[in-house]
Protein backbone atom coordinates (compact mmCIF):
# COMPACT_ATOMS: atom_id res chain seq x y z
CA MET A 1 1.67 25.86 -16.32
CA ARG A 2 1.13 23.14 -18.89
CA ARG A 3 -2.42 21.86 -19.03
CA ILE A 4 -3.74 18.92 -21.17
CA ASP A 5 -7.28 17.87 -21.78
CA ALA A 6 -8.77 14.47 -21.29
CA PRO A 7 -8.45 12.96 -24.82
CA THR A 8 -4.71 13.78 -24.82
CA LEU A 9 -4.36 12.04 -21.54
CA ARG A 10 -6.40 9.14 -22.75
CA ALA A 11 -4.00 8.85 -25.80
CA TRP A 12 -0.96 8.98 -23.41
CA THR A 13 -2.33 6.18 -21.26
CA GLY A 14 -2.48 3.88 -24.26
CA GLY A 15 0.98 4.96 -25.71
CA GLY A 16 4.28 3.04 -24.84
CA GLU A 17 6.16 5.92 -23.22
CA GLU A 18 6.54 6.40 -19.57
CA LEU A 19 3.72 8.04 -17.72
CA ALA A 20 2.82 8.81 -14.19
CA ILE A 21 -0.84 10.06 -13.14
CA LEU A 22 -0.53 11.41 -9.56
CA ASP A 23 -3.74 12.43 -7.77
CA ALA A 24 -3.13 15.20 -5.40
CA ARG A 25 -6.09 14.72 -3.06
CA GLU A 26 -6.23 12.94 0.30
CA GLU A 27 -6.80 9.29 0.11
CA GLY A 28 -10.24 9.29 1.27
CA GLU A 29 -11.27 11.98 -1.56
CA PHE A 30 -9.31 9.90 -4.05
CA ALA A 31 -11.41 7.01 -3.17
CA THR A 32 -14.63 8.71 -4.23
CA GLY A 33 -13.76 8.52 -7.85
CA HIS A 34 -10.25 8.57 -9.85
CA LEU A 35 -8.61 7.51 -13.13
CA PHE A 36 -7.76 3.60 -13.14
CA TRP A 37 -3.74 4.11 -13.35
CA ALA A 38 -3.67 7.22 -10.95
CA ALA A 39 -1.62 6.69 -7.97
CA PRO A 40 -2.77 8.67 -4.88
CA CYS A 41 0.00 11.44 -3.90
CA PRO A 42 -1.92 13.51 -1.33
CA LEU A 43 -0.37 17.08 -0.84
CA SER A 44 -0.25 16.27 3.06
CA ARG A 45 2.57 13.97 2.16
CA HIS A 46 3.60 14.97 -1.15
CA GLU A 47 7.44 15.42 -0.51
CA ILE A 48 7.59 11.79 0.50
CA ARG A 49 5.16 10.33 -2.09
CA VAL A 50 6.53 12.28 -5.12
CA ARG A 51 10.22 10.99 -4.41
CA SER A 52 8.98 7.36 -3.77
CA LEU A 53 6.80 7.31 -6.81
CA LEU A 54 9.15 9.08 -9.20
CA PRO A 55 12.54 7.56 -9.00
CA ARG A 56 13.39 9.55 -12.19
CA LEU A 57 11.92 12.95 -12.15
CA ALA A 58 12.27 13.40 -16.04
CA ALA A 59 9.43 10.85 -16.52
CA ARG A 60 6.24 12.40 -17.94
CA VAL A 61 3.89 13.40 -15.06
CA VAL A 62 0.23 14.33 -15.21
CA CYS A 63 -1.30 15.65 -11.73
CA VAL A 64 -5.00 15.22 -11.30
CA ASP A 65 -7.54 16.36 -8.70
CA ASP A 66 -11.25 16.93 -8.85
CA GLY A 67 -11.01 20.47 -10.08
CA SER A 68 -10.14 21.84 -6.53
CA GLY A 69 -6.71 23.45 -7.50
CA LEU A 70 -4.74 20.63 -5.62
CA ALA A 71 -3.41 19.36 -8.78
CA GLU A 72 -1.68 22.88 -9.68
CA GLN A 73 0.11 22.86 -6.28
CA LEU A 74 1.42 19.12 -6.87
CA ALA A 75 2.62 20.05 -10.24
CA GLU A 76 4.35 23.10 -9.02
CA TYR A 77 6.17 21.13 -6.36
CA VAL A 78 7.26 18.35 -8.93
CA GLU A 79 8.52 21.14 -11.12
CA SER A 80 10.43 22.85 -8.31
CA ILE A 81 12.40 19.59 -7.68
CA GLY A 82 13.40 18.90 -11.17
CA GLY A 83 10.26 17.49 -13.10
CA GLY A 84 10.88 18.33 -16.50
CA ASP A 85 7.76 17.03 -18.21
CA VAL A 86 4.68 17.74 -16.00
CA ALA A 87 1.17 18.70 -16.87
CA VAL A 88 -2.17 19.21 -15.05
CA LEU A 89 -5.56 17.47 -16.43
CA ASP A 90 -7.75 20.49 -17.17
CA GLY A 91 -11.10 20.16 -15.50
CA GLY A 92 -9.94 17.23 -13.36
CA THR A 93 -11.67 13.97 -12.89
CA ALA A 94 -15.17 15.61 -14.03
CA ALA A 95 -13.60 16.38 -17.26
CA TRP A 96 -12.23 12.88 -17.80
CA ALA A 97 -15.80 11.70 -17.18
CA GLU A 98 -17.41 14.04 -19.54
CA ALA A 99 -14.98 12.66 -22.19
CA GLY A 100 -16.28 9.24 -21.72
CA GLY A 101 -13.55 8.15 -19.22
CA VAL A 102 -14.56 5.88 -16.39
CA LEU A 103 -13.84 6.83 -12.85
CA PHE A 104 -13.27 4.19 -10.34
CA SER A 105 -14.14 4.25 -6.58
CA GLY A 106 -12.08 2.76 -3.92
CA VAL A 107 -8.33 2.33 -3.53
CA ASN A 108 -5.79 -0.09 -4.85
CA VAL A 109 -8.01 -0.31 -7.78
CA PRO A 110 -5.50 -1.86 -10.42
CA SER A 111 -4.64 -4.68 -8.05
CA LYS A 112 -8.20 -5.41 -6.88
CA ALA A 113 -9.38 -5.46 -10.52
CA PHE A 114 -6.60 -7.85 -11.41
CA GLY A 115 -7.54 -10.09 -8.75
CA GLU A 116 -10.93 -10.48 -9.91
CA TRP A 117 -9.55 -11.02 -13.42
CA VAL A 118 -7.26 -13.91 -11.98
CA GLU A 119 -10.20 -15.50 -10.68
CA HIS A 120 -12.30 -15.61 -13.78
CA HIS A 121 -9.38 -16.16 -15.95
CA TYR A 122 -8.00 -19.08 -14.03
CA CYS A 123 -11.26 -20.40 -12.56
CA THR A 124 -9.83 -20.27 -9.03
CA PRO A 125 -11.74 -22.62 -6.69
CA SER A 126 -13.34 -21.07 -3.71
CA ILE A 127 -15.55 -21.98 -0.61
CA ASP A 128 -17.49 -19.88 1.48
CA ALA A 129 -17.22 -19.57 5.21
CA ARG A 130 -19.94 -21.98 6.15
CA GLU A 131 -18.39 -24.86 4.24
CA LEU A 132 -14.97 -24.10 5.84
CA LYS A 133 -16.61 -24.17 9.43
CA ALA A 134 -18.08 -27.38 8.55
CA TRP A 135 -14.75 -28.91 7.42
CA LEU A 136 -13.27 -27.49 10.48
CA ASP A 137 -15.91 -28.86 12.84
CA GLY A 138 -15.70 -32.15 11.11
CA GLY A 139 -12.02 -32.75 11.41
CA ARG A 140 -11.30 -32.52 7.94
CA LYS A 141 -7.47 -32.52 7.11
CA VAL A 142 -7.43 -28.66 6.23
CA LEU A 143 -4.90 -25.94 6.58
CA VAL A 144 -5.90 -22.45 6.71
CA LEU A 145 -3.37 -19.89 5.55
CA ASP A 146 -3.87 -16.22 6.05
CA SER A 147 -2.16 -14.31 3.33
CA ARG A 148 -2.03 -10.86 4.98
CA PRO A 149 0.89 -9.25 6.80
CA PHE A 150 1.49 -10.33 10.30
CA ASP A 151 0.17 -6.88 11.89
CA GLU A 152 -3.34 -7.51 10.08
CA PHE A 153 -3.38 -11.11 11.11
CA ARG A 154 -3.01 -10.14 14.81
CA ALA A 155 -5.66 -7.65 14.61
CA MET A 156 -8.15 -10.32 13.49
CA SER A 157 -7.82 -13.82 12.05
CA ILE A 158 -9.85 -17.11 11.41
CA PRO A 159 -9.51 -19.35 14.56
CA GLY A 160 -6.84 -22.07 13.73
CA ALA A 161 -5.39 -20.13 10.88
CA ILE A 162 -1.71 -19.48 10.62
CA ASP A 163 -0.08 -16.51 9.07
CA VAL A 164 1.84 -17.01 5.74
CA PRO A 165 1.85 -13.54 3.64
CA GLY A 166 1.03 -13.95 0.07
CA GLY A 167 4.40 -13.39 -1.33
CA GLU A 168 5.76 -16.31 1.05
CA LEU A 169 3.32 -19.08 0.17
CA VAL A 170 4.91 -20.95 -2.77
CA TYR A 171 8.31 -20.17 -0.96
CA ARG A 172 7.33 -22.08 2.13
CA ILE A 173 4.37 -24.39 1.29
CA GLY A 174 6.70 -27.53 0.95
CA ASP A 175 7.55 -27.28 4.60
CA ILE A 176 4.28 -26.14 5.84
CA ALA A 177 2.14 -28.63 4.13
CA PRO A 178 4.20 -31.66 3.00
CA ASP A 179 1.42 -34.11 2.87
CA PRO A 180 -0.46 -33.47 -0.54
CA ALA A 181 -3.63 -34.89 1.16
CA THR A 182 -4.13 -31.60 3.11
CA THR A 183 -6.54 -29.36 1.72
CA VAL A 184 -4.94 -25.66 1.77
CA VAL A 185 -7.38 -22.69 2.22
CA VAL A 186 -5.95 -19.28 1.55
CA ASN A 187 -7.72 -16.17 3.15
CA CYS A 188 -7.39 -12.62 3.55
CA ALA A 189 -9.61 -9.77 4.88
CA GLY A 190 -11.61 -9.69 1.58
CA ARG A 191 -10.98 -11.20 -1.84
CA THR A 192 -7.75 -10.03 -3.66
CA ARG A 193 -4.98 -11.70 -1.71
CA SER A 194 -7.13 -14.83 -1.20
CA ILE A 195 -7.49 -15.43 -4.90
CA LEU A 196 -3.75 -14.28 -5.86
CA GLY A 197 -2.46 -16.76 -2.87
CA ALA A 198 -4.51 -19.65 -3.87
CA GLU A 199 -3.82 -19.20 -7.43
CA SER A 200 -0.11 -18.58 -6.78
CA LEU A 201 -0.01 -22.34 -5.23
CA ARG A 202 -2.05 -23.67 -8.19
CA ARG A 203 0.28 -21.99 -10.83
CA ALA A 204 3.32 -23.20 -8.97
CA GLY A 205 1.92 -26.76 -9.35
CA VAL A 206 1.55 -27.63 -5.62
CA PRO A 207 -0.23 -31.09 -5.68
CA ASN A 208 -2.61 -30.37 -2.69
CA ARG A 209 -6.05 -29.04 -3.24
CA ILE A 210 -6.21 -25.52 -3.13
CA VAL A 211 -9.07 -23.20 -2.52
CA ALA A 212 -9.75 -19.40 -1.68
CA LEU A 213 -11.82 -18.55 1.08
CA ARG A 214 -14.58 -16.70 -0.64
CA ASN A 215 -14.71 -13.04 0.92
CA GLY A 216 -12.37 -13.84 3.75
CA THR A 217 -12.56 -12.57 7.21
CA MET A 218 -15.35 -10.55 6.12
CA GLY A 219 -17.24 -13.22 4.80
CA TRP A 220 -16.48 -15.26 8.02
CA GLN A 221 -17.86 -12.51 10.02
CA LEU A 222 -20.84 -11.86 8.01
CA ALA A 223 -21.79 -15.58 8.27
CA GLY A 224 -21.98 -15.12 12.16
CA PHE A 225 -18.61 -16.69 13.10
CA GLY A 226 -16.15 -15.24 15.58
CA LEU A 227 -12.65 -14.08 14.76
CA ALA A 228 -9.80 -14.40 16.92
CA HIS A 229 -7.67 -11.57 18.17
CA GLY A 230 -3.93 -11.13 19.11
CA ARG A 231 -2.84 -14.44 17.78
CA ALA A 232 0.94 -15.08 16.88
CA GLU A 233 0.88 -18.20 14.78
CA ARG A 234 3.02 -17.72 11.61
CA TYR A 235 5.33 -19.54 9.28
CA PRO A 236 8.63 -20.74 10.51
CA LEU A 237 11.11 -18.24 9.88
CA GLY A 238 14.35 -18.92 8.11
CA THR A 239 15.09 -20.45 4.70
CA PRO A 240 12.78 -23.43 4.25
CA ALA A 241 14.30 -26.76 3.68
CA THR A 242 12.37 -27.35 0.55
CA ARG A 243 13.53 -24.00 -1.22
CA GLY A 244 14.93 -25.99 -4.17
CA LEU A 245 11.55 -27.51 -4.97
CA ALA A 246 10.11 -23.81 -4.46
CA LEU A 247 12.57 -22.37 -6.87
CA SER A 248 11.89 -24.77 -9.74
CA ARG A 249 8.09 -24.26 -9.31
CA ALA A 250 8.40 -20.32 -9.42
CA THR A 251 11.03 -20.67 -12.23
CA ALA A 252 8.54 -22.47 -14.35
CA PHE A 253 5.70 -19.91 -13.81
CA ALA A 254 8.10 -16.85 -14.33
CA GLU A 255 9.48 -18.03 -17.47
CA ALA A 256 5.90 -18.91 -18.84
CA CYS A 257 5.09 -15.04 -18.08
CA GLY A 258 8.25 -13.79 -19.66
CA VAL A 259 9.90 -12.35 -16.56
CA GLY A 260 13.56 -11.24 -17.45
CA VAL A 261 16.47 -12.24 -15.32
CA ILE A 262 19.75 -9.91 -14.85
CA GLY A 263 22.59 -9.70 -12.63
CA PRO A 264 24.02 -6.83 -10.34
CA LEU A 265 25.85 -5.23 -13.40
CA ASP A 266 22.78 -5.11 -15.50
CA LEU A 267 20.83 -3.49 -12.59
CA ALA A 268 23.68 -0.86 -12.09
CA ARG A 269 23.06 0.11 -15.91
CA PHE A 270 19.43 0.42 -15.38
CA GLU A 271 20.03 2.63 -12.35
CA ASP A 272 22.47 4.97 -14.44
CA ASP A 273 20.06 4.96 -17.41
CA ALA A 274 18.92 8.74 -17.55
CA GLU A 275 16.26 7.55 -20.25
CA ARG A 276 14.25 5.04 -18.18
CA THR A 277 12.76 4.89 -14.70
CA VAL A 278 13.58 1.56 -12.74
CA TYR A 279 12.07 0.50 -9.46
CA VAL A 280 14.14 -1.61 -7.39
CA LEU A 281 12.12 -3.34 -5.05
CA ASP A 282 12.99 -6.07 -2.52
CA VAL A 283 10.20 -8.51 -1.83
CA ARG A 284 11.00 -10.14 1.05
CA ASP A 285 9.58 -9.98 4.54
CA PRO A 286 10.20 -6.65 6.20
CA GLU A 287 12.21 -8.46 9.19
CA GLU A 288 14.51 -9.81 6.63
CA PHE A 289 14.77 -6.57 4.77
CA GLN A 290 15.61 -4.64 7.85
CA ALA A 291 18.25 -7.19 8.80
CA SER A 292 20.22 -6.60 5.52
CA HIS A 293 19.26 -5.11 2.10
CA ARG A 294 20.74 -3.59 -1.17
CA PRO A 295 21.34 0.19 -0.63
CA ALA A 296 18.61 2.25 -2.36
CA SER A 297 16.17 -0.57 -2.67
CA ARG A 298 12.76 -0.53 -1.33
CA ASN A 299 11.11 -3.09 0.77
CA ALA A 300 7.70 -4.30 -1.17
CA PRO A 301 6.77 -7.56 0.28
CA GLY A 302 5.57 -9.62 -2.75
CA GLY A 303 1.99 -10.23 -1.48
CA GLN A 304 1.41 -6.70 -0.34
CA LEU A 305 2.93 -5.36 -3.81
CA MET A 306 0.32 -7.20 -5.61
CA GLN A 307 -2.37 -5.91 -3.37
CA ALA A 308 -1.43 -2.23 -3.63
CA THR A 309 0.84 -1.88 -6.74
CA ASP A 310 0.00 1.89 -6.61
CA ARG A 311 1.74 2.28 -3.45
CA TRP A 312 5.01 1.71 -4.96
CA ILE A 313 4.61 1.93 -8.62
CA ALA A 314 3.22 4.96 -10.44
CA VAL A 315 5.28 5.22 -13.64
CA ARG A 316 3.59 3.08 -16.49
CA ASN A 317 6.34 1.43 -18.87
CA ALA A 318 9.09 1.72 -16.26
CA ARG A 319 11.35 -1.09 -15.52
CA ILE A 320 10.79 -3.26 -12.32
CA ALA A 321 13.83 -4.90 -10.76
CA LEU A 322 12.86 -7.34 -8.07
CA LEU A 323 15.11 -8.48 -5.49
CA ASP A 324 15.34 -11.61 -2.91
CA ASP A 325 17.84 -13.91 -1.46
CA THR A 326 16.64 -17.34 -3.45
CA GLY A 327 14.76 -15.92 -6.33
CA VAL A 328 11.69 -17.75 -5.50
CA ARG A 329 9.48 -14.69 -4.12
CA ALA A 330 10.95 -12.37 -6.86
CA ARG A 331 9.97 -14.79 -9.62
CA MET A 332 6.44 -15.47 -8.16
CA THR A 333 5.86 -11.52 -7.89
CA GLY A 334 7.34 -10.80 -11.28
CA ALA A 335 4.98 -13.29 -12.94
CA TRP A 336 2.06 -11.85 -11.51
CA LEU A 337 3.30 -8.26 -12.48
CA ARG A 338 3.75 -9.30 -16.00
CA GLN A 339 0.15 -10.63 -16.18
CA MET A 340 -1.03 -7.44 -14.48
CA GLY A 341 0.53 -5.62 -17.81
CA TYR A 342 3.92 -4.34 -16.47
CA ARG A 343 6.14 -4.91 -19.49
CA ASP A 344 9.65 -4.70 -18.37
CA VAL A 345 9.89 -7.16 -15.02
CA PHE A 346 13.18 -8.56 -14.08
CA VAL A 347 14.49 -10.77 -11.40
CA VAL A 348 18.17 -9.76 -10.14
CA GLU A 349 20.13 -12.86 -9.56
CA GLY A 350 22.81 -12.12 -6.98
CA GLY A 351 21.22 -8.63 -6.23
CA LEU A 352 21.83 -9.02 -2.50
CA ASP A 353 25.44 -10.19 -2.82
CA GLU A 354 26.75 -6.46 -3.10
CA ALA A 355 27.51 -4.21 -0.07
CA ARG A 356 24.37 -4.36 2.26
CA THR A 357 22.98 -1.95 4.71
CA THR A 358 20.33 -2.27 7.59
CA GLY A 359 17.24 -0.42 8.79
CA PRO A 360 14.16 0.55 7.12
CA ALA A 361 15.57 2.54 4.21
CA PRO A 362 13.37 5.66 4.29
CA VAL A 363 12.77 7.58 1.21
CA ALA A 364 15.32 10.73 1.02
CA VAL A 365 13.38 13.88 1.46
CA PRO A 366 15.63 16.92 1.44
CA GLU A 367 12.93 19.11 3.19
CA LEU A 368 13.62 16.91 6.37
CA GLU A 369 17.11 18.51 6.61
CA THR A 370 15.66 21.90 7.31
CA PRO A 371 16.39 22.63 11.12
CA VAL A 372 13.51 22.65 13.67
CA GLU A 373 13.10 23.23 17.19
CA TRP A 374 12.66 19.78 19.12
CA ILE A 375 11.17 18.96 22.46
CA GLU A 376 12.16 15.83 24.11
CA PRO A 377 9.16 13.53 25.26
CA ASP A 378 10.23 13.80 28.95
CA ALA A 379 10.17 17.54 28.67
CA LEU A 380 6.70 17.49 27.13
CA ALA A 381 5.18 15.25 29.73
CA SER A 382 6.72 17.51 32.47
CA ARG A 383 4.98 20.49 30.78
CA LEU A 384 1.70 18.42 30.64
CA ARG A 385 1.92 17.46 34.06
CA ALA A 386 2.67 21.05 35.50
CA SER A 387 -0.39 22.46 33.71
CA GLY A 388 -3.87 21.31 34.93
CA ASP A 389 -5.34 22.63 31.65
CA PRO A 390 -2.83 22.96 28.91
CA ARG A 391 -5.15 24.85 26.54
CA ARG A 392 -5.74 27.42 29.13
CA ASP A 393 -2.02 27.85 29.74
CA GLY A 394 -1.57 28.11 25.97
CA LEU A 395 -0.01 24.87 25.15
CA LEU A 396 -1.32 23.20 22.21
CA VAL A 397 -0.28 19.79 20.87
CA VAL A 398 -1.17 19.28 17.18
CA ASP A 399 -1.16 15.74 15.88
CA LEU A 400 -0.65 15.39 12.09
CA GLY A 401 -0.92 11.76 11.95
CA ARG A 402 -3.79 9.85 10.13
CA GLY A 403 -7.13 10.21 11.66
CA ILE A 404 -7.45 6.62 12.22
CA ASP A 405 -4.22 6.64 14.13
CA PHE A 406 -5.32 9.51 16.23
CA ARG A 407 -8.43 7.78 17.24
CA ALA A 408 -6.26 4.58 18.16
CA GLY A 409 -4.13 6.70 20.48
CA HIS A 410 -2.82 10.39 20.98
CA ILE A 411 -1.14 12.66 23.56
CA PRO A 412 -3.76 13.56 26.15
CA GLY A 413 -5.52 17.05 25.02
CA ALA A 414 -3.82 17.14 21.47
CA VAL A 415 -5.93 18.19 18.49
CA TRP A 416 -6.05 16.64 15.22
CA GLY A 417 -5.18 18.05 11.81
CA ILE A 418 -4.64 17.19 8.13
CA ARG A 419 -1.49 18.82 7.03
CA SER A 420 -2.89 20.02 3.66
CA ARG A 421 -6.16 21.24 5.44
CA LEU A 422 -4.97 23.21 8.65
CA ALA A 423 -7.20 26.31 8.15
CA PRO A 424 -9.91 24.99 10.76
CA LEU A 425 -7.17 24.91 13.29
CA ARG A 426 -6.66 28.67 12.70
CA PRO A 427 -8.58 29.96 15.61
CA ILE A 428 -7.17 27.58 18.31
CA LEU A 429 -3.49 28.10 16.86
CA ALA A 430 -3.95 31.97 17.05
CA ARG A 431 -4.69 31.71 20.54
CA ALA A 432 -1.78 29.34 21.68
CA ARG A 433 1.48 30.46 23.15
CA GLU A 434 3.24 27.30 22.52
CA VAL A 435 2.82 24.60 19.84
CA VAL A 436 4.09 21.26 19.76
CA ALA A 437 3.74 18.99 16.51
CA THR A 438 3.55 15.41 16.30
CA SER A 439 2.99 12.58 14.19
CA PRO A 440 3.62 8.78 14.35
CA ASP A 441 7.38 8.98 13.62
CA ALA A 442 7.51 12.91 13.50
CA VAL A 443 8.23 13.05 9.63
CA LEU A 444 4.89 14.74 8.93
CA ALA A 445 5.18 17.08 12.13
CA ARG A 446 8.62 18.14 10.88
CA LEU A 447 7.28 18.85 7.27
CA ALA A 448 4.38 20.81 8.61
CA VAL A 449 6.27 23.28 10.66
CA PRO A 450 6.27 25.83 8.14
CA GLU A 451 2.34 25.62 7.60
CA LEU A 452 1.75 25.92 11.44
CA GLN A 453 4.10 28.67 11.64
CA ALA A 454 1.88 30.56 9.15
CA LEU A 455 -1.24 30.18 11.29
CA THR A 456 0.23 31.21 14.84
CA ALA A 457 2.60 33.54 16.33
CA ALA A 458 3.85 31.15 18.99
CA PRO A 459 6.82 29.11 18.61
CA VAL A 460 6.39 25.72 16.96
CA ARG A 461 8.60 22.86 18.25
CA VAL A 462 8.45 19.06 17.03
CA LEU A 463 8.26 16.17 19.46
CA ARG A 464 11.44 14.24 18.85
CA GLY A 465 10.48 10.80 17.70
CA GLY A 466 6.96 11.56 17.57
CA THR A 467 4.18 9.61 19.03
CA GLU A 468 5.68 6.22 18.57
CA VAL A 469 8.67 7.23 20.85
CA TRP A 470 6.19 8.69 23.46
CA ARG A 471 4.27 5.65 23.49
CA ALA A 472 7.49 3.53 23.78
CA ALA A 473 8.64 5.85 26.77
CA GLY A 474 5.50 4.38 28.63
CA TYR A 475 3.48 7.90 28.70
CA THR A 476 -0.37 7.94 28.55
CA LEU A 477 -2.06 7.90 25.13
CA GLU A 478 -5.85 8.76 24.98
CA ALA A 479 -8.07 6.81 22.52
CA ASN A 480 -11.43 7.58 21.03
CA ARG A 481 -12.86 5.73 18.22
CA ALA A 482 -15.32 8.47 17.33
CA ASN A 483 -12.64 11.31 17.24
CA PRO A 484 -12.34 12.16 14.62
CA PRO A 485 -15.78 11.01 12.98
CA ASP A 486 -15.68 8.86 10.01
CA GLU A 487 -16.63 11.72 7.59
CA ALA A 488 -13.68 13.70 8.71
CA CYS A 489 -11.17 11.02 8.01
CA ILE A 490 -10.51 12.20 4.40
CA ASP A 491 -6.80 11.46 4.87
CA ALA A 492 -7.37 7.68 4.74
CA TRP A 493 -9.80 5.29 2.96
CA LEU A 494 -11.47 3.82 5.82
CA ARG A 495 -11.83 -0.12 5.68
CA PRO A 496 -15.16 -1.67 6.82
CA TYR A 497 -13.53 -2.59 10.09
CA ASP A 498 -12.29 0.92 10.58
CA ARG A 499 -15.89 2.40 10.62
CA THR A 500 -17.62 3.40 13.66
CA THR A 501 -21.18 2.54 12.54
CA GLY A 502 -22.57 0.36 9.76
CA VAL A 503 -19.64 -2.19 9.76
CA GLU A 504 -21.29 -5.07 8.38
CA GLU A 505 -23.02 -2.94 5.61
CA ALA A 506 -19.98 -1.46 4.65
CA MET A 507 -18.29 -4.96 4.39
CA ARG A 508 -21.14 -6.06 2.06
CA ALA A 509 -20.81 -3.05 0.03
CA TYR A 510 -16.83 -3.52 -0.39
CA LEU A 511 -17.29 -7.03 -1.29
CA ALA A 512 -19.94 -6.15 -3.98
CA TRP A 513 -17.52 -3.37 -4.95
CA GLU A 514 -14.69 -5.73 -5.80
CA VAL A 515 -16.87 -8.30 -7.54
CA ASP A 516 -18.24 -5.47 -9.81
CA LEU A 517 -14.62 -4.25 -10.87
CA PRO A 518 -14.51 -6.47 -14.08
CA ARG A 519 -17.79 -4.88 -15.39
CA GLN A 520 -16.07 -1.36 -14.90
CA ILE A 521 -13.06 -2.42 -16.72
CA GLU A 522 -15.37 -3.53 -19.63
CA ARG A 523 -16.80 -0.22 -19.69
CA ASP A 524 -13.48 1.39 -19.79
CA GLY A 525 -12.53 -0.76 -22.75
CA SER A 526 -8.50 0.14 -22.58
CA ILE A 527 -7.41 -1.95 -19.61
CA VAL A 528 -5.86 -5.38 -20.69
CA PHE A 529 -4.50 -8.01 -18.38
CA GLY A 530 -2.44 -11.13 -19.34
CA VAL A 531 0.69 -11.62 -21.20
CA PRO A 532 0.29 -11.82 -25.06
CA GLY A 533 1.85 -15.04 -26.38
CA MET A 534 0.97 -17.47 -23.40
CA VAL A 535 -1.07 -20.38 -24.62
CA GLY A 536 -3.66 -22.63 -23.05
CA ALA A 537 -4.70 -22.24 -19.50
CA ASP A 538 -2.35 -19.18 -19.16
CA ALA A 539 -3.37 -17.23 -22.21
CA GLY A 540 -4.01 -13.60 -21.68
CA GLY A 541 -6.64 -11.01 -22.60
CA THR A 542 -9.23 -9.18 -20.60
């Protein structure tokens, strides 16, 4: 297996060739310290992540871990499916640090650091929670727009806010806030989406006073104010009446940032180009995407793409092609991607005019075509009802979903396991006479069948449709916020809200971490945001 040292990788990160750095650890482990441009690619879901992050397997790939041997396993897999230029960072993250490289804690670090850069670079105005509360209590003409996805908004929100995800703000602000005398406050859970949402409106030239809510809902809660739960207020669906105004605003910003414009034929040539990687990302709302989208495109709603670029993009110096129906959301997203340092960013005009398909457009994973033995939800429910004590009878349900999802609801009596770390379940699997694997949508459960079969002599079946279908059928779920405990949930980075203890302390630590990212970038010395050649208030440079 090819190995490279840290100085070699450092040189590659500063070059102009395509490069993907994939970290093989689970997300919680990844969050303890990783390379700036590394994308999490945990072994527990590597078949899905590799194919999602590497549209072109010939791109140069470096696999990284903390020296535990996971990177070698990931590299072997990438090579086995056609990866032609794969290496492992010798010594892992420790070697990177010993060579003078900076390790970054947390997740979505490039996006979070970029948000802090935007605030400093553009002097984005902000207010704190107490000032906003005084405005609301005093009857000031103010509109609070929550820039998070709808599911996050429903979980908790500032009373009176309405949900307008970040990618929708410029597109819909003309309809939502037609009176320029209305002050617009943009919030998220913490800082990044508040800053980028507010600055998007300012860069677009919206005449209202625009401010970000400093520290978002966390700041609101830390100030002692209550959050609302289960609210459904959101932007009006459909094409806004002011889309023409929105397009002119977005076009000016995108052109200033150097976003390219191509047509469907150009995109087809990009996709056929064996020498370059292209990410084809549809930045519309998920409901619009599922209703109709271009085949082979992936849904990356604009605000979330900027919040977590490493979820969708791993190959540096790849082409990025952005799709939407009117060009507004693609242009705003493209402008920010250009300022974040992505070089070849294009809006595809007419990209949705071709043949379309519906549904969620899952990543193609050939391993999912391997036959498995299924069990229907009704059959499992009957089996559980017939047994007073399923474990005693030898029936074992293994849930391969994330620990935080297991906490929120799992099949009664199920045990939780991380697919890449199933050894702790060996004793209970060895005693089982019948094993049923499940996960939220059954995908991880299907992929885990060979690993489970290696640990038990019992037949292994998969719950058809997974826990989501079990729930939809009305069957009982157990919930226990303390099982698994925080320290066991290495398969996900726990947000402050996800923790069972010390929530407010975790909020303060998280907010301090975000604010400190520019200092870490300075120490690194190789990370540059901004677009060379822009002038005036839009000039780049870190």
